[in-house]
């Protein structure tokens, strides 16, 4: 049986012409978009009335740490290094798999509620994260975070755990879940680990999910250690290539941006987290576009954002660049929506399947309720995208669909039990955080 999303007020297709369709329908068959236009139901259709709703592609979050939803609000208003070393890392040392499972369920609940259908994650206890994401029905690229340990045996164990997780993903046979290699950052992983990650990614046709040039302090320390600029160092050792998804990439020079373009590096731009942790700069996204670098949007973890709402991230992205460049045209609404959809799909190598409402693509779709006060009025077709970026928020999401399956209908979760998850998170917090 197919699913007919009938009579949407607006469909923001994100197709090559960026068409916005009025009073149109979408038919989904076997998880793919089968027809778009003025459609009538047939006997095999499950018909869903979409009057007073806008249909958009599901949003793609290219960088987060899902289980850190457990840390939301725990350590705010701190500098990054202090935040990590004095607050986050000591707490992370107490985590176990069940806690990460509950945190990932909570994050999945928030993503489903706010219109994210696909995301890239790096954290610990990833088998438990995969279990939660599988139960939620979301699409994800998952990477166990690797950090070099003081002793060789500890570092070797990190690598063994990565390969173990790769085998776990294979055994799951869940087409919605993909593997990525996750060296944490150049300042926590040495050359040997970085090149090992590169080689595994090449062998397995996977992404390398890594933090690069997030803070000025990181860059200064690299230069103090005689390694030069971070991006130049990574290029010199042969690490940079088109499998690298570089989160943050704030402290890059123009020549380094061009280097990213030449090597095919992809970037996950996380402006809300960068502002909250006062990274001290704004990633040079307009220069990245000029250099041909694919740039997606990420929320980063809920501990440094403090949410997973990609609508919030879209608006903040537009505003921070307009403000820092003194130019209201530098980042318009359409380019921002592109980053949250099509460019996000490019960042994970899935642009042929995801990121737009087009026939043949996977049906990862979101409906927004146009009866909500903050989405009234919509003046005309030309303002719909602007309304999505500047007026909408995740609470306007009415229905979330992944691979043709309804995860939320009329703001009611279909797979996840919100009350049960809240109770389980409470139990985890009681064990995790010293009272």
Protein backbone atom coordinates (compact mmCIF):
# COMPACT_ATOMS: atom_id res chain seq x y z
CA UNK A 1 0.00 0.00 0.00
CA UNK A 2 1.24 3.47 -0.89
CA UNK A 3 0.92 6.76 0.96
CA UNK A 4 -0.70 9.77 -0.67
CA UNK A 5 0.10 13.16 0.87
CA UNK A 6 -2.84 14.95 -0.69
CA UNK A 7 -3.38 18.64 -1.38
CA UNK A 8 -0.41 20.22 0.38
CA UNK A 9 -0.77 24.00 0.39
CA UNK A 10 2.90 24.20 -0.57
CA UNK A 11 5.60 21.74 -1.60
CA UNK A 12 9.15 23.10 -1.36
CA UNK A 13 10.78 20.64 -3.74
CA UNK A 14 14.44 21.70 -3.59
CA UNK A 15 14.69 20.32 -7.12
CA UNK A 16 17.26 21.84 -9.56
CA UNK A 17 14.83 24.66 -10.39
CA UNK A 18 13.93 25.12 -6.69
CA UNK A 19 10.26 24.87 -7.57
CA UNK A 20 7.67 25.66 -4.93
CA UNK A 21 4.40 23.95 -5.86
CA UNK A 22 0.94 25.13 -4.84
CA UNK A 23 -1.96 22.79 -3.92
CA UNK A 24 -0.13 19.64 -4.96
CA UNK A 25 0.23 16.04 -3.77
CA UNK A 26 2.95 13.40 -3.39
CA UNK A 27 2.51 9.65 -3.75
CA UNK A 28 4.98 7.39 -1.94
CA UNK A 29 5.47 3.77 -2.99
CA UNK A 30 7.84 1.33 -1.29
CA UNK A 31 9.73 4.11 0.46
CA UNK A 32 10.30 6.24 -2.64
CA UNK A 33 8.60 9.31 -4.09
CA UNK A 34 6.56 7.93 -6.98
CA UNK A 35 4.48 10.87 -8.22
CA UNK A 36 4.20 14.62 -7.63
CA UNK A 37 1.41 16.90 -8.84
CA UNK A 38 -2.38 17.08 -8.96
CA UNK A 39 -3.08 13.50 -7.91
CA UNK A 40 -6.22 11.53 -7.15
CA UNK A 41 -6.26 8.62 -4.69
CA UNK A 42 -6.44 5.05 -5.88
CA UNK A 43 -7.55 1.90 -4.09
CA UNK A 44 -4.05 1.14 -2.81
CA UNK A 45 -3.42 4.56 -1.27
CA UNK A 46 -3.39 5.42 2.40
CA UNK A 47 -4.58 9.03 2.01
CA UNK A 48 -3.31 11.75 4.33
CA UNK A 49 -5.01 15.14 4.12
CA UNK A 50 -2.34 17.86 3.89
CA UNK A 51 -4.47 20.99 3.56
CA UNK A 52 -3.01 23.89 5.53
CA UNK A 53 0.37 22.15 5.54
CA UNK A 54 3.71 22.72 3.82
CA UNK A 55 5.78 19.75 2.65
CA UNK A 56 9.59 19.97 2.64
CA UNK A 57 12.48 17.50 2.37
CA UNK A 58 13.53 16.03 5.71
CA UNK A 59 16.31 18.06 7.29
CA UNK A 60 19.84 16.62 7.46
CA UNK A 61 21.97 17.30 10.55
CA UNK A 62 25.58 16.73 9.47
CA UNK A 63 27.15 16.85 12.94
CA UNK A 64 25.91 15.94 16.38
CA UNK A 65 26.52 13.80 19.47
CA UNK A 66 23.07 12.41 20.14
CA UNK A 67 23.57 10.87 23.58
CA UNK A 68 24.84 14.21 24.92
CA UNK A 69 21.18 15.12 25.29
CA UNK A 70 21.79 13.75 28.81
CA UNK A 71 24.11 16.73 29.43
CA UNK A 72 21.70 19.42 28.22
CA UNK A 73 22.01 22.41 30.56
CA UNK A 74 24.62 20.71 32.76
CA UNK A 75 27.59 22.98 31.98
CA UNK A 76 26.73 26.26 30.28
CA UNK A 77 28.63 29.53 29.83
CA UNK A 78 32.13 28.02 29.84
CA UNK A 79 35.12 28.21 27.48
CA UNK A 80 35.48 25.08 25.34
CA UNK A 81 38.58 23.61 26.96
CA UNK A 82 37.25 24.18 30.49
CA UNK A 83 33.84 22.88 29.40
CA UNK A 84 35.43 19.68 28.12
CA UNK A 85 38.12 19.02 30.71
CA UNK A 86 36.31 20.03 33.89
CA UNK A 87 32.71 19.18 33.10
CA UNK A 88 32.04 16.99 30.09
CA UNK A 89 34.95 14.52 30.06
CA UNK A 90 34.62 13.62 33.77
CA UNK A 91 30.92 12.94 33.23
CA UNK A 92 31.55 10.96 30.06
CA UNK A 93 33.89 8.68 32.00
CA UNK A 94 30.83 7.57 34.01
CA UNK A 95 28.69 6.74 30.97
CA UNK A 96 27.64 3.19 30.18
CA UNK A 97 25.82 1.72 27.22
CA UNK A 98 22.36 1.89 28.77
CA UNK A 99 22.80 5.59 29.54
CA UNK A 100 23.87 6.30 25.95
CA UNK A 101 20.90 4.29 24.71
CA UNK A 102 18.50 6.42 26.75
CA UNK A 103 20.25 9.63 25.67
CA UNK A 104 20.05 8.58 22.03
CA UNK A 105 16.35 7.80 22.38
CA UNK A 106 15.79 11.28 23.81
CA UNK A 107 17.77 12.84 20.96
CA UNK A 108 15.86 10.77 18.40
CA UNK A 109 12.61 11.92 19.96
CA UNK A 110 13.64 15.56 19.59
CA UNK A 111 14.82 15.08 16.01
CA UNK A 112 11.58 13.37 15.03
CA UNK A 113 9.61 16.16 16.69
CA UNK A 114 11.54 18.93 14.92
CA UNK A 115 11.85 17.56 11.39
CA UNK A 116 15.32 16.03 11.20
CA UNK A 117 15.18 12.76 9.28
CA UNK A 118 18.90 12.04 8.78
CA UNK A 119 22.00 12.83 10.85
CA UNK A 120 25.71 12.16 11.37
CA UNK A 121 26.76 11.15 14.88
CA UNK A 122 30.00 10.56 16.78
CA UNK A 123 30.10 9.27 20.34
CA UNK A 124 30.69 6.31 22.66
CA UNK A 125 28.79 3.03 23.12
CA UNK A 126 27.64 3.30 19.54
CA UNK A 127 26.07 -0.15 19.44
CA UNK A 128 23.58 1.18 21.99
CA UNK A 129 23.11 4.38 19.99
CA UNK A 130 22.43 2.29 16.88
CA UNK A 131 19.81 0.31 18.84
CA UNK A 132 18.02 3.52 19.82
CA UNK A 133 18.17 5.04 16.34
CA UNK A 134 16.93 1.79 14.83
CA UNK A 135 13.94 1.80 17.17
CA UNK A 136 13.24 5.44 16.29
CA UNK A 137 13.28 4.74 12.53
CA UNK A 138 15.62 7.61 11.67
CA UNK A 139 18.37 7.56 9.03
CA UNK A 140 21.90 7.99 10.40
CA UNK A 141 25.63 7.75 9.75
CA UNK A 142 27.23 6.58 13.00
CA UNK A 143 30.88 6.75 14.05
CA UNK A 144 32.53 5.66 17.32
CA UNK A 145 34.72 8.53 18.52
CA UNK A 146 38.43 7.62 18.66
CA UNK A 147 40.99 9.37 20.89
CA UNK A 148 44.63 8.34 21.26
CA UNK A 149 45.39 6.96 24.72
CA UNK A 150 48.64 7.43 26.71
CA UNK A 151 49.57 3.78 26.08
CA UNK A 152 49.65 1.89 22.78
CA UNK A 153 47.32 -0.85 24.02
CA UNK A 154 44.65 1.76 24.77
CA UNK A 155 44.95 3.28 21.32
CA UNK A 156 44.84 -0.17 19.71
CA UNK A 157 41.63 -0.88 21.64
CA UNK A 158 40.04 2.27 20.19
CA UNK A 159 40.74 0.96 16.70
CA UNK A 160 39.47 -2.52 17.53
CA UNK A 161 36.25 -1.00 18.87
CA UNK A 162 35.79 0.92 15.61
CA UNK A 163 36.16 -2.25 13.54
CA UNK A 164 33.87 -4.09 15.93
CA UNK A 165 31.21 -1.44 15.40
CA UNK A 166 31.64 -1.71 11.62
CA UNK A 167 30.84 -5.42 11.88
CA UNK A 168 27.89 -4.62 14.14
CA UNK A 169 26.40 -2.29 11.52
CA UNK A 170 26.85 -4.97 8.87
CA UNK A 171 25.05 -7.54 11.01
CA UNK A 172 22.11 -5.19 11.62
CA UNK A 173 21.36 -5.07 7.88
CA UNK A 174 19.40 -1.86 8.48
CA UNK A 175 19.50 0.19 5.24
CA UNK A 176 18.93 3.38 7.27
CA UNK A 177 22.16 2.99 9.29
CA UNK A 178 25.63 3.62 7.86
CA UNK A 179 29.14 3.44 9.32
CA UNK A 180 31.77 6.19 9.45
CA UNK A 181 35.26 6.28 10.95
CA UNK A 182 35.46 8.82 13.79
CA UNK A 183 38.91 10.13 14.77
CA UNK A 184 37.92 12.87 17.20
CA UNK A 185 40.29 15.65 16.11
CA UNK A 186 43.89 16.30 15.03
CA UNK A 187 44.75 17.44 18.57
CA UNK A 188 43.50 14.18 20.14
CA UNK A 189 44.63 11.77 17.40
CA UNK A 190 48.20 11.45 16.15
CA UNK A 191 49.35 10.95 12.58
CA UNK A 192 49.26 7.15 12.81
CA UNK A 193 45.62 7.10 13.96
CA UNK A 194 44.56 9.67 11.38
CA UNK A 195 46.10 7.68 8.54
CA UNK A 196 44.64 4.45 9.90
CA UNK A 197 41.20 6.12 9.83
CA UNK A 198 41.81 7.32 6.26
CA UNK A 199 42.73 3.81 5.13
CA UNK A 200 39.74 2.13 6.81
CA UNK A 201 37.40 4.67 5.21
CA UNK A 202 38.91 4.02 1.80
CA UNK A 203 38.64 0.27 2.19
CA UNK A 204 35.05 0.38 3.46
CA UNK A 205 33.83 3.22 1.19
CA UNK A 206 32.93 5.24 4.29
CA UNK A 207 33.16 8.79 5.57
CA UNK A 208 35.77 10.09 8.01
CA UNK A 209 33.86 12.12 10.60
CA UNK A 210 36.25 14.51 12.41
CA UNK A 211 36.44 17.89 14.18
CA UNK A 212 38.85 20.30 12.44
CA UNK A 213 39.90 23.86 13.30
CA UNK A 214 37.09 24.45 15.80
CA UNK A 215 38.93 26.98 17.99
CA UNK A 216 41.70 29.53 17.82
CA UNK A 217 43.40 27.79 20.73
CA UNK A 218 43.64 24.56 18.74
CA UNK A 219 45.29 26.41 15.87
CA UNK A 220 47.70 28.27 18.17
CA UNK A 221 48.75 25.03 19.87
CA UNK A 222 49.48 23.37 16.54
CA UNK A 223 51.73 26.26 15.53
CA UNK A 224 53.42 26.25 18.94
CA UNK A 225 54.14 22.53 18.51
CA UNK A 226 55.81 23.22 15.18
CA UNK A 227 53.10 21.54 13.08
CA UNK A 228 51.97 24.73 11.33
CA UNK A 229 48.37 25.32 10.30
CA UNK A 230 46.00 22.44 11.12
CA UNK A 231 44.65 22.01 7.59
CA UNK A 232 48.14 22.25 6.06
CA UNK A 233 49.39 19.62 8.51
CA UNK A 234 46.55 17.26 7.59
CA UNK A 235 47.32 17.73 3.92
CA UNK A 236 51.04 17.20 4.43
CA UNK A 237 50.49 13.81 6.10
CA UNK A 238 48.10 12.76 3.32
CA UNK A 239 44.92 12.76 5.37
CA UNK A 240 42.69 15.16 3.42
CA UNK A 241 40.45 13.70 0.72
CA UNK A 242 36.83 13.62 -0.42
CA UNK A 243 35.81 11.21 2.35
CA UNK A 244 36.56 13.73 5.10
CA UNK A 245 33.56 15.43 6.73
CA UNK A 246 35.16 18.24 8.72
CA UNK A 247 32.98 19.53 11.54
CA UNK A 248 33.29 23.23 12.44
CA UNK A 249 36.21 24.35 10.21
CA UNK A 250 36.06 27.82 11.75
CA UNK A 251 39.73 28.81 11.82
CA UNK A 252 40.68 28.41 8.18
CA UNK A 253 42.60 30.81 5.96
CA UNK A 254 41.57 31.45 2.36
CA UNK A 255 44.36 29.19 1.15
CA UNK A 256 43.16 26.41 3.47
CA UNK A 257 39.61 26.81 2.18
CA UNK A 258 40.93 26.44 -1.37
CA UNK A 259 42.85 23.38 -0.20
CA UNK A 260 39.60 21.86 1.12
CA UNK A 261 38.02 22.52 -2.28
CA UNK A 262 40.94 20.95 -4.15
CA UNK A 263 40.89 17.84 -1.96
CA UNK A 264 37.10 17.47 -1.96
CA UNK A 265 36.71 17.90 1.81
CA UNK A 266 33.13 18.38 3.03
CA UNK A 267 32.23 20.66 5.95
CA UNK A 268 29.61 20.49 8.70
CA UNK A 269 28.93 24.09 9.77
CA UNK A 270 27.80 24.36 13.43
CA UNK A 271 27.27 28.07 14.13
CA UNK A 272 25.05 27.79 17.21
CA UNK A 273 27.57 25.68 19.12
CA UNK A 274 30.45 27.86 17.89
CA UNK A 275 28.72 30.98 19.20
CA UNK A 276 27.73 29.40 22.50
CA UNK A 277 31.27 28.16 23.19
CA UNK A 278 32.71 31.45 21.85
CA UNK A 279 35.02 29.89 19.27
CA UNK A 280 35.88 33.46 18.38
CA UNK A 281 35.05 33.41 14.72
CA UNK A 282 32.57 32.40 12.05
CA UNK A 283 33.42 29.67 9.56
CA UNK A 284 34.21 31.21 6.14
CA UNK A 285 31.25 29.59 4.40
CA UNK A 286 30.94 32.06 1.47
CA UNK A 287 34.59 31.37 0.63
CA UNK A 288 33.91 27.64 0.91
CA UNK A 289 31.14 27.98 -1.65
CA UNK A 290 33.50 29.82 -3.99
CA UNK A 291 36.03 26.99 -3.59
CA UNK A 292 33.40 24.33 -4.33
CA UNK A 293 33.35 22.91 -0.80
CA UNK A 294 30.04 21.18 0.10
CA UNK A 295 28.77 22.71 3.35
CA UNK A 296 26.00 21.18 5.43
CA UNK A 297 24.55 22.30 8.74
CA UNK A 298 24.99 20.66 12.13
CA UNK A 299 23.56 21.38 15.54
CA UNK A 300 26.55 19.82 17.33
CA UNK A 301 25.63 18.03 20.57
CA UNK A 302 22.71 19.05 22.78
CA UNK A 303 25.21 19.94 25.53
CA UNK A 304 26.61 22.83 23.51
CA UNK A 305 23.58 24.04 21.56
CA UNK A 306 21.37 23.11 23.68
CA UNK A 307 18.98 21.52 21.23
CA UNK A 308 18.68 19.55 18.01
CA UNK A 309 16.29 21.89 16.20
CA UNK A 310 17.60 22.40 12.66
CA UNK A 311 15.14 25.23 12.05
CA UNK A 312 16.85 27.14 14.84
CA UNK A 313 20.23 26.34 13.27
CA UNK A 314 19.06 27.56 9.85
CA UNK A 315 17.98 30.93 11.21
CA UNK A 316 21.13 31.37 13.28
CA UNK A 317 23.26 30.48 10.27
CA UNK A 318 21.73 33.24 8.19
CA UNK A 319 21.93 35.81 10.97
CA UNK A 320 25.51 35.20 12.12
CA UNK A 321 26.90 35.56 8.59
CA UNK A 322 24.85 38.65 7.81
CA UNK A 323 26.04 40.22 11.06
CA UNK A 324 29.71 39.28 10.80
CA UNK A 325 29.97 40.41 7.15
CA UNK A 326 27.79 43.51 7.49
CA UNK A 327 25.88 42.24 4.48
CA UNK A 328 22.20 41.18 4.58
CA UNK A 329 22.56 39.44 1.21
CA UNK A 330 25.61 37.29 2.00
CA UNK A 331 23.52 34.27 3.03
CA UNK A 332 19.96 34.26 1.78
CA UNK A 333 17.20 31.93 2.89
CA UNK A 334 17.45 29.67 -0.15
CA UNK A 335 21.17 29.00 0.37
CA UNK A 336 20.55 28.22 4.02
CA UNK A 337 17.74 25.78 3.22
CA UNK A 338 20.06 24.19 0.65
CA UNK A 339 22.63 23.58 3.39
CA UNK A 340 20.03 21.86 5.56
CA UNK A 341 18.81 19.62 2.74
CA UNK A 342 20.62 19.13 -0.58
CA UNK A 343 24.07 20.20 0.58
CA UNK A 344 23.69 18.07 3.70
CA UNK A 345 22.98 15.12 1.39
CA UNK A 346 26.10 15.99 -0.62
CA UNK A 347 28.14 16.02 2.58
CA UNK A 348 27.23 12.39 3.25
CA UNK A 349 27.37 11.30 -0.40
CA UNK A 350 23.61 10.72 -0.66
CA UNK A 351 22.51 13.58 -2.92
CA UNK A 352 21.07 11.15 -5.48
CA UNK A 353 18.72 9.72 -2.86
CA UNK A 354 18.03 12.46 -0.32
CA UNK A 355 17.68 16.22 0.11
CA UNK A 356 14.81 17.07 -2.24
CA UNK A 357 11.24 16.18 -3.14
CA UNK A 358 11.80 14.53 -6.51
CA UNK A 359 10.48 11.41 -8.18
CA UNK A 360 12.70 8.41 -7.42
CA UNK A 361 14.25 9.77 -4.25
CA UNK A 362 13.75 8.20 -0.82
CA UNK A 363 10.68 9.56 0.94
CA UNK A 364 12.29 11.43 3.85
CA UNK A 365 9.73 14.21 4.24
CA UNK A 366 8.37 16.69 6.76
CA UNK A 367 5.03 18.48 6.99
CA UNK A 368 4.64 21.80 8.82
CA UNK A 369 1.34 23.08 10.20
CA UNK A 370 0.54 26.40 8.54
CA UNK A 371 -2.19 27.12 11.09
CA UNK A 372 0.45 27.93 13.72
CA UNK A 373 0.50 31.68 14.45
CA UNK A 374 4.17 32.19 13.57
CA UNK A 375 3.53 30.84 10.06
CA UNK A 376 0.71 33.28 9.31
CA UNK A 377 0.64 34.92 6.82
CA UNK A 378 2.47 33.36 3.89
CA UNK A 379 2.15 36.08 1.29
CA UNK A 380 3.03 34.23 -1.91
CA UNK A 381 5.08 31.43 -3.42
CA UNK A 382 8.25 33.56 -3.42
CA UNK A 383 8.18 34.00 0.37
CA UNK A 384 7.68 30.36 1.42
CA UNK A 385 11.39 29.54 1.73
CA UNK A 386 12.01 32.73 3.67
CA UNK A 387 9.16 31.82 6.02
CA UNK A 388 10.73 28.41 6.63
CA UNK A 389 14.14 29.85 7.51
CA UNK A 390 13.21 32.99 9.46
CA UNK A 391 9.74 32.28 10.90
CA UNK A 392 9.43 28.53 11.40
CA UNK A 393 10.76 26.44 14.26
CA UNK A 394 10.80 22.75 14.99
CA UNK A 395 7.57 22.91 16.99
CA UNK A 396 5.72 23.72 13.75
CA UNK A 397 6.49 20.21 12.47
CA UNK A 398 3.28 18.20 12.25
CA UNK A 399 4.42 14.98 10.56
CA UNK A 400 7.79 13.30 10.03
CA UNK A 401 8.36 10.58 7.44
CA UNK A 402 11.51 8.51 6.90
CA UNK A 403 11.82 6.09 4.00
CA UNK A 404 8.08 6.31 3.50
CA UNK A 405 7.29 5.35 7.10
CA UNK A 406 5.36 7.69 9.38
CA UNK A 407 7.36 8.40 12.54
CA UNK A 408 5.07 11.19 13.74
CA UNK A 409 1.53 12.07 12.61
CA UNK A 410 -0.32 15.19 13.74
CA UNK A 411 2.41 15.70 16.38
CA UNK A 412 1.85 12.19 17.79
CA UNK A 413 4.83 9.84 17.87
CA UNK A 414 4.24 6.51 16.17
CA UNK A 415 7.35 4.58 17.25
CA UNK A 416 8.65 6.23 20.41
CA UNK A 417 7.02 6.52 23.85
CA UNK A 418 7.78 10.02 25.12
CA UNK A 419 6.75 9.40 28.71
CA UNK A 420 8.74 6.18 28.99
CA UNK A 421 11.83 7.82 27.49
CA UNK A 422 11.58 10.74 29.92
CA UNK A 423 11.37 8.31 32.83
CA UNK A 424 14.37 6.30 31.61
CA UNK A 425 16.43 9.45 31.10
CA UNK A 426 15.61 10.51 34.64
CA UNK A 427 16.92 7.17 35.93
CA UNK A 428 20.11 7.56 33.89
CA UNK A 429 20.68 11.09 35.18
CA UNK A 430 20.26 9.90 38.77
CA UNK A 431 23.10 7.43 38.21
CA UNK A 432 25.24 9.73 36.08
CA UNK A 433 25.31 13.10 37.81
CA UNK A 434 26.55 13.26 41.43
CA UNK A 435 23.81 14.78 43.59
